[in-house]
């Protein structure tokens, strides 16, 4: 069994695909299998795959139902101890990334690190906190290209194909909040993330936020908490509030007016589900 399964999904991005492949084959770490799931590309991507076929453990090119369907296909073929999803067009930060991560054994099921976001040739560095909270996951997410996941996770879960833009966030959110899976931070840059993927396209950011809200309100929150939560969100949306800050038990900040502060503090104290959600 290889230590790592690297899963790359691609659709008509031969230039980005070759960049991704090169960053993998140039790694000093070699205890991996490389899986490429192509969605039936017609731009010459298949020629790129064949060019590097000696480095690729498995590949297929056929129509799929979207990026998460393709990623789930990769999971079904992967045999490594850990999985890393490195999408076409994204590339590893340096040739010692995997060697640095796997110089020792990890007891945690999730390993995550930092990343560079590349947009219009400009590099923006993103450093994650060493300690994550439920509330942090509600507001943000981990770039899945900077996350390495133990194979045991996928014995029970897959990427939810009912969502088109946020299933990677849903997966990590559930693992952290609902399943209490332990996350291990490594303070290195794992990948360079190209900001021209599906979630970054014009108009998709709003769709992404709608999908996140739909999931939180319809699938995550318990029934007894839904009413309180929705009323708070509706109030927040209606108020033209200023940047007045207050904290809950874990020093998380939220901009609200004074009256709403008292309302949320009260609900926070009496509602155990809100405490779990926020901490």
Protein backbone atom coordinates (compact mmCIF):
# COMPACT_ATOMS: atom_id res chain seq x y z
CA UNK A 1 0.00 0.00 0.00
CA UNK A 2 1.46 3.38 -0.96
CA UNK A 3 1.68 6.06 1.71
CA UNK A 4 -0.17 8.59 -0.43
CA UNK A 5 -2.75 8.65 -3.22
CA UNK A 6 -2.64 11.85 -5.27
CA UNK A 7 -5.96 12.40 -7.06
CA UNK A 8 -6.21 14.95 -9.89
CA UNK A 9 -9.44 15.76 -11.70
CA UNK A 10 -9.35 17.53 -15.04
CA UNK A 11 -11.63 18.81 -17.78
CA UNK A 12 -10.21 20.58 -20.84
CA UNK A 13 -7.24 22.15 -19.06
CA UNK A 14 -4.25 20.54 -20.73
CA UNK A 15 -1.89 23.39 -19.83
CA UNK A 16 -2.89 23.34 -16.17
CA UNK A 17 -2.85 19.55 -16.11
CA UNK A 18 0.75 19.41 -17.28
CA UNK A 19 1.78 21.92 -14.61
CA UNK A 20 0.08 19.77 -11.96
CA UNK A 21 1.68 16.56 -13.22
CA UNK A 22 5.16 18.10 -13.35
CA UNK A 23 4.89 19.26 -9.74
CA UNK A 24 4.04 15.70 -8.69
CA UNK A 25 6.71 13.84 -10.64
CA UNK A 26 9.39 16.28 -9.47
CA UNK A 27 8.73 15.42 -5.81
CA UNK A 28 11.64 13.93 -3.86
CA UNK A 29 9.03 11.76 -2.10
CA UNK A 30 8.15 8.71 -4.20
CA UNK A 31 5.88 6.55 -1.99
CA UNK A 32 2.70 7.52 -3.83
CA UNK A 33 0.27 6.49 -6.53
CA UNK A 34 -0.98 9.08 -9.01
CA UNK A 35 -4.61 8.93 -10.19
CA UNK A 36 -6.07 11.19 -12.87
CA UNK A 37 -9.81 11.39 -13.49
CA UNK A 38 -10.55 13.23 -16.74
CA UNK A 39 -14.09 14.27 -17.60
CA UNK A 40 -13.89 13.46 -21.29
CA UNK A 41 -11.61 16.31 -22.37
CA UNK A 42 -11.40 17.25 -26.05
CA UNK A 43 -8.57 19.80 -25.83
CA UNK A 44 -5.59 17.46 -25.95
CA UNK A 45 -5.48 16.67 -22.23
CA UNK A 46 -5.37 12.96 -23.05
CA UNK A 47 -2.12 13.48 -24.95
CA UNK A 48 -0.65 15.09 -21.82
CA UNK A 49 -1.75 12.14 -19.70
CA UNK A 50 -0.19 9.69 -22.17
CA UNK A 51 3.01 11.74 -22.25
CA UNK A 52 3.47 11.15 -18.50
CA UNK A 53 1.82 7.73 -18.37
CA UNK A 54 4.82 6.04 -16.74
CA UNK A 55 4.25 8.22 -13.65
CA UNK A 56 0.49 7.64 -13.53
CA UNK A 57 -0.91 4.64 -11.67
CA UNK A 58 -4.43 4.91 -13.04
CA UNK A 59 -6.32 7.24 -15.34
CA UNK A 60 -9.66 7.36 -17.09
CA UNK A 61 -11.36 9.79 -19.45
CA UNK A 62 -15.14 9.74 -19.56
CA UNK A 63 -18.02 12.17 -18.97
CA UNK A 64 -18.88 12.74 -15.32
CA UNK A 65 -21.51 14.58 -13.30
CA UNK A 66 -19.23 17.32 -12.02
CA UNK A 67 -16.07 17.89 -10.03
CA UNK A 68 -17.23 16.05 -6.89
CA UNK A 69 -18.41 13.06 -8.90
CA UNK A 70 -14.94 12.95 -10.46
CA UNK A 71 -13.27 13.21 -7.04
CA UNK A 72 -15.43 10.37 -5.75
CA UNK A 73 -14.35 8.26 -8.73
CA UNK A 74 -10.76 8.92 -7.68
CA UNK A 75 -11.53 7.83 -4.11
CA UNK A 76 -12.97 4.56 -5.40
CA UNK A 77 -9.67 3.75 -7.15
CA UNK A 78 -7.24 5.04 -4.49
CA UNK A 79 -5.35 2.59 -2.27
CA UNK A 80 -3.02 4.89 -0.31
CA UNK A 81 -2.99 5.49 3.43
CA UNK A 82 -3.62 9.20 2.85
CA UNK A 83 -5.39 10.98 -0.03
CA UNK A 84 -4.46 14.35 -1.51
CA UNK A 85 -6.77 16.05 -4.01
CA UNK A 86 -4.66 18.24 -6.30
CA UNK A 87 -6.86 19.66 -9.02
CA UNK A 88 -5.69 20.30 -12.55
CA UNK A 89 -4.05 23.73 -12.72
CA UNK A 90 -2.86 23.65 -9.09
CA UNK A 91 0.67 22.62 -8.23
CA UNK A 92 2.78 21.68 -5.23
CA UNK A 93 4.71 24.55 -3.67
CA UNK A 94 8.12 22.83 -3.85
CA UNK A 95 9.59 19.42 -4.58
CA UNK A 96 9.95 18.47 -0.91
CA UNK A 97 6.33 19.04 0.22
CA UNK A 98 5.38 15.40 0.69
CA UNK A 99 8.78 14.45 2.08
CA UNK A 100 8.46 17.17 4.73
CA UNK A 101 4.96 16.04 5.72
CA UNK A 102 5.76 12.33 5.87
CA UNK A 103 9.12 12.45 7.59
CA UNK A 104 7.23 11.10 10.60
CA UNK A 105 4.09 9.13 11.27
CA UNK A 106 0.87 11.02 11.94
CA UNK A 107 -1.86 9.94 14.34
CA UNK A 108 -4.29 12.59 13.09
CA UNK A 109 -6.71 11.75 10.30
CA UNK A 110 -6.48 15.20 8.70
CA UNK A 111 -3.26 17.07 7.93
CA UNK A 112 -3.50 20.64 6.67
CA UNK A 113 -1.07 23.39 5.79
CA UNK A 114 -0.84 26.79 4.15
CA UNK A 115 -1.18 27.72 0.49
CA UNK A 116 -0.53 30.39 -2.10
CA UNK A 117 -3.47 31.74 -4.07
CA UNK A 118 -2.51 32.76 -7.58
CA UNK A 119 -4.64 35.31 -9.39
CA UNK A 120 -3.61 37.38 -12.41
CA UNK A 121 0.03 36.39 -11.79
CA UNK A 122 -0.18 37.83 -8.26
CA UNK A 123 0.65 35.56 -5.32
CA UNK A 124 -1.30 35.86 -2.07
CA UNK A 125 -0.07 33.79 0.87
CA UNK A 126 -2.67 32.23 3.18
CA UNK A 127 -1.58 30.97 6.60
CA UNK A 128 -4.09 28.93 8.57
CA UNK A 129 -4.50 28.95 12.36
CA UNK A 130 -2.87 26.06 14.20
CA UNK A 131 -6.09 25.59 16.18
CA UNK A 132 -9.45 25.46 14.44
CA UNK A 133 -12.90 26.01 15.97
CA UNK A 134 -16.46 25.19 14.93
CA UNK A 135 -17.14 28.86 14.42
CA UNK A 136 -14.04 29.24 12.25
CA UNK A 137 -15.31 26.45 9.98
CA UNK A 138 -18.69 28.14 9.69
CA UNK A 139 -17.12 31.34 8.41
CA UNK A 140 -14.28 29.89 6.38
CA UNK A 141 -12.84 26.69 5.04
CA UNK A 142 -9.61 24.92 4.26
CA UNK A 143 -8.44 24.92 0.67
CA UNK A 144 -8.82 21.21 -0.10
CA UNK A 145 -5.60 21.26 -2.12
CA UNK A 146 -3.78 22.04 1.13
CA UNK A 147 -5.46 19.17 3.03
CA UNK A 148 -4.33 15.54 3.20
CA UNK A 149 -6.97 13.06 4.43
CA UNK A 150 -6.54 9.56 5.89
CA UNK A 151 -8.22 6.84 3.84
CA UNK A 152 -10.31 5.66 6.81
CA UNK A 153 -12.39 8.83 6.52
CA UNK A 154 -13.76 7.67 3.18
CA UNK A 155 -15.02 4.36 4.48
CA UNK A 156 -18.09 6.21 5.70
CA UNK A 157 -18.30 9.45 3.69
CA UNK A 158 -17.90 10.81 0.18
CA UNK A 159 -18.15 14.26 -1.37
CA UNK A 160 -21.85 15.18 -1.53
CA UNK A 161 -22.68 15.36 -5.23
CA UNK A 162 -25.92 17.23 -4.54
CA UNK A 163 -23.82 20.37 -4.07
CA UNK A 164 -21.80 21.77 -6.96
CA UNK A 165 -19.45 24.21 -5.21
CA UNK A 166 -19.12 23.52 -1.48
CA UNK A 167 -18.90 19.75 -0.98
CA UNK A 168 -15.23 19.94 0.00
CA UNK A 169 -16.19 22.43 2.74
CA UNK A 170 -19.15 20.25 3.80
CA UNK A 171 -16.90 17.21 4.11
CA UNK A 172 -14.30 18.97 6.28
CA UNK A 173 -16.98 20.82 8.28
CA UNK A 174 -18.70 17.55 9.15
CA UNK A 175 -15.47 15.79 10.03
CA UNK A 176 -14.48 18.57 12.42
CA UNK A 177 -17.82 19.63 13.92
CA UNK A 178 -19.90 16.45 13.93
CA UNK A 179 -17.34 13.66 14.03
CA UNK A 180 -14.67 15.36 16.15
CA UNK A 181 -11.92 14.17 13.81
CA UNK A 182 -8.51 15.49 14.84
CA UNK A 183 -6.82 17.96 12.48
CA UNK A 184 -3.03 18.40 12.49
CA UNK A 185 -1.50 21.66 11.29
CA UNK A 186 1.85 21.66 9.48
CA UNK A 187 3.35 25.11 9.06
CA UNK A 188 4.46 24.78 5.44
CA UNK A 189 3.06 25.91 2.10
CA UNK A 190 1.57 22.80 0.53
CA UNK A 191 0.23 24.07 -2.77
CA UNK A 192 -0.19 26.90 -5.20
CA UNK A 193 -3.90 27.28 -5.87
CA UNK A 194 -4.91 28.79 -9.20
CA UNK A 195 -7.81 31.19 -8.67
CA UNK A 196 -9.55 30.38 -11.93
CA UNK A 197 -11.39 27.26 -10.80
CA UNK A 198 -15.15 26.73 -10.86
CA UNK A 199 -15.81 28.39 -7.48
CA UNK A 200 -13.91 31.51 -8.52
CA UNK A 201 -15.75 32.13 -11.78
CA UNK A 202 -17.92 35.21 -12.08
CA UNK A 203 -21.26 34.75 -10.35
CA UNK A 204 -20.27 31.51 -8.61
CA UNK A 205 -19.23 33.19 -5.36
CA UNK A 206 -22.85 34.12 -4.67
CA UNK A 207 -23.96 30.60 -5.57
CA UNK A 208 -21.29 29.24 -3.23
CA UNK A 209 -22.58 31.30 -0.30
CA UNK A 210 -26.15 30.20 -1.05
CA UNK A 211 -25.07 26.55 -1.02
CA UNK A 212 -23.30 27.01 2.32
CA UNK A 213 -26.37 28.69 3.83
CA UNK A 214 -28.65 25.98 2.45
CA UNK A 215 -26.53 23.27 3.99
CA UNK A 216 -26.28 24.97 7.40
CA UNK A 217 -29.99 25.71 7.63
CA UNK A 218 -31.45 22.52 6.14
CA UNK A 219 -28.97 19.77 6.99
CA UNK A 220 -26.59 20.74 9.78
CA UNK A 221 -28.61 22.57 12.40
CA UNK A 222 -30.87 20.52 14.70
CA UNK A 223 -34.59 21.29 14.46
CA UNK A 224 -34.79 22.89 17.88
CA UNK A 225 -32.04 25.33 16.93
CA UNK A 226 -33.27 26.23 13.44
CA UNK A 227 -35.87 28.76 14.55
CA UNK A 228 -33.49 30.69 16.82
CA UNK A 229 -30.74 30.69 14.23
CA UNK A 230 -32.91 31.81 11.33
CA UNK A 231 -34.39 34.66 13.36
CA UNK A 232 -30.91 35.88 14.25
CA UNK A 233 -29.76 35.76 10.64
CA UNK A 234 -32.89 37.58 9.47
CA UNK A 235 -32.30 40.26 12.09
CA UNK A 236 -28.68 40.64 11.07
CA UNK A 237 -29.69 41.03 7.44
CA UNK A 238 -32.31 43.65 8.26
CA UNK A 239 -30.17 45.78 10.55
CA UNK A 240 -27.85 48.43 9.20
CA UNK A 241 -25.39 47.71 11.98
CA UNK A 242 -21.95 49.24 12.57
CA UNK A 243 -18.72 47.57 13.60
CA UNK A 244 -19.50 47.20 17.30
CA UNK A 245 -17.63 44.14 18.50
CA UNK A 246 -18.40 41.69 21.26
CA UNK A 247 -17.10 38.26 22.21
CA UNK A 248 -18.52 34.96 23.32
CA UNK A 249 -16.67 32.46 25.49
CA UNK A 250 -14.01 31.70 22.89
CA UNK A 251 -13.26 35.34 22.01
CA UNK A 252 -14.87 35.16 18.57
CA UNK A 253 -15.96 38.57 17.29
CA UNK A 254 -19.20 39.55 15.62
CA UNK A 255 -20.31 43.05 14.48
CA UNK A 256 -23.74 43.83 15.93
CA UNK A 257 -25.60 46.62 17.65
CA UNK A 258 -26.02 46.63 21.42
CA UNK A 259 -29.52 45.20 21.54
CA UNK A 260 -28.71 42.30 19.23
CA UNK A 261 -25.64 41.61 21.35
CA UNK A 262 -27.86 40.97 24.35
CA UNK A 263 -30.19 38.75 22.31
CA UNK A 264 -27.40 36.55 21.00
CA UNK A 265 -25.68 36.35 24.38
CA UNK A 266 -28.94 35.17 25.94
CA UNK A 267 -29.59 32.50 23.30
CA UNK A 268 -25.96 31.44 23.52
CA UNK A 269 -26.27 30.86 27.27
CA UNK A 270 -29.51 28.85 27.14
CA UNK A 271 -29.00 26.91 23.92
CA UNK A 272 -26.43 24.11 24.12
CA UNK A 273 -26.56 23.65 20.34
CA UNK A 274 -25.51 27.24 19.76
CA UNK A 275 -22.61 26.81 22.19
CA UNK A 276 -21.46 23.71 20.31
CA UNK A 277 -21.85 25.49 16.98
CA UNK A 278 -19.98 28.61 18.04
CA UNK A 279 -17.01 27.13 19.91
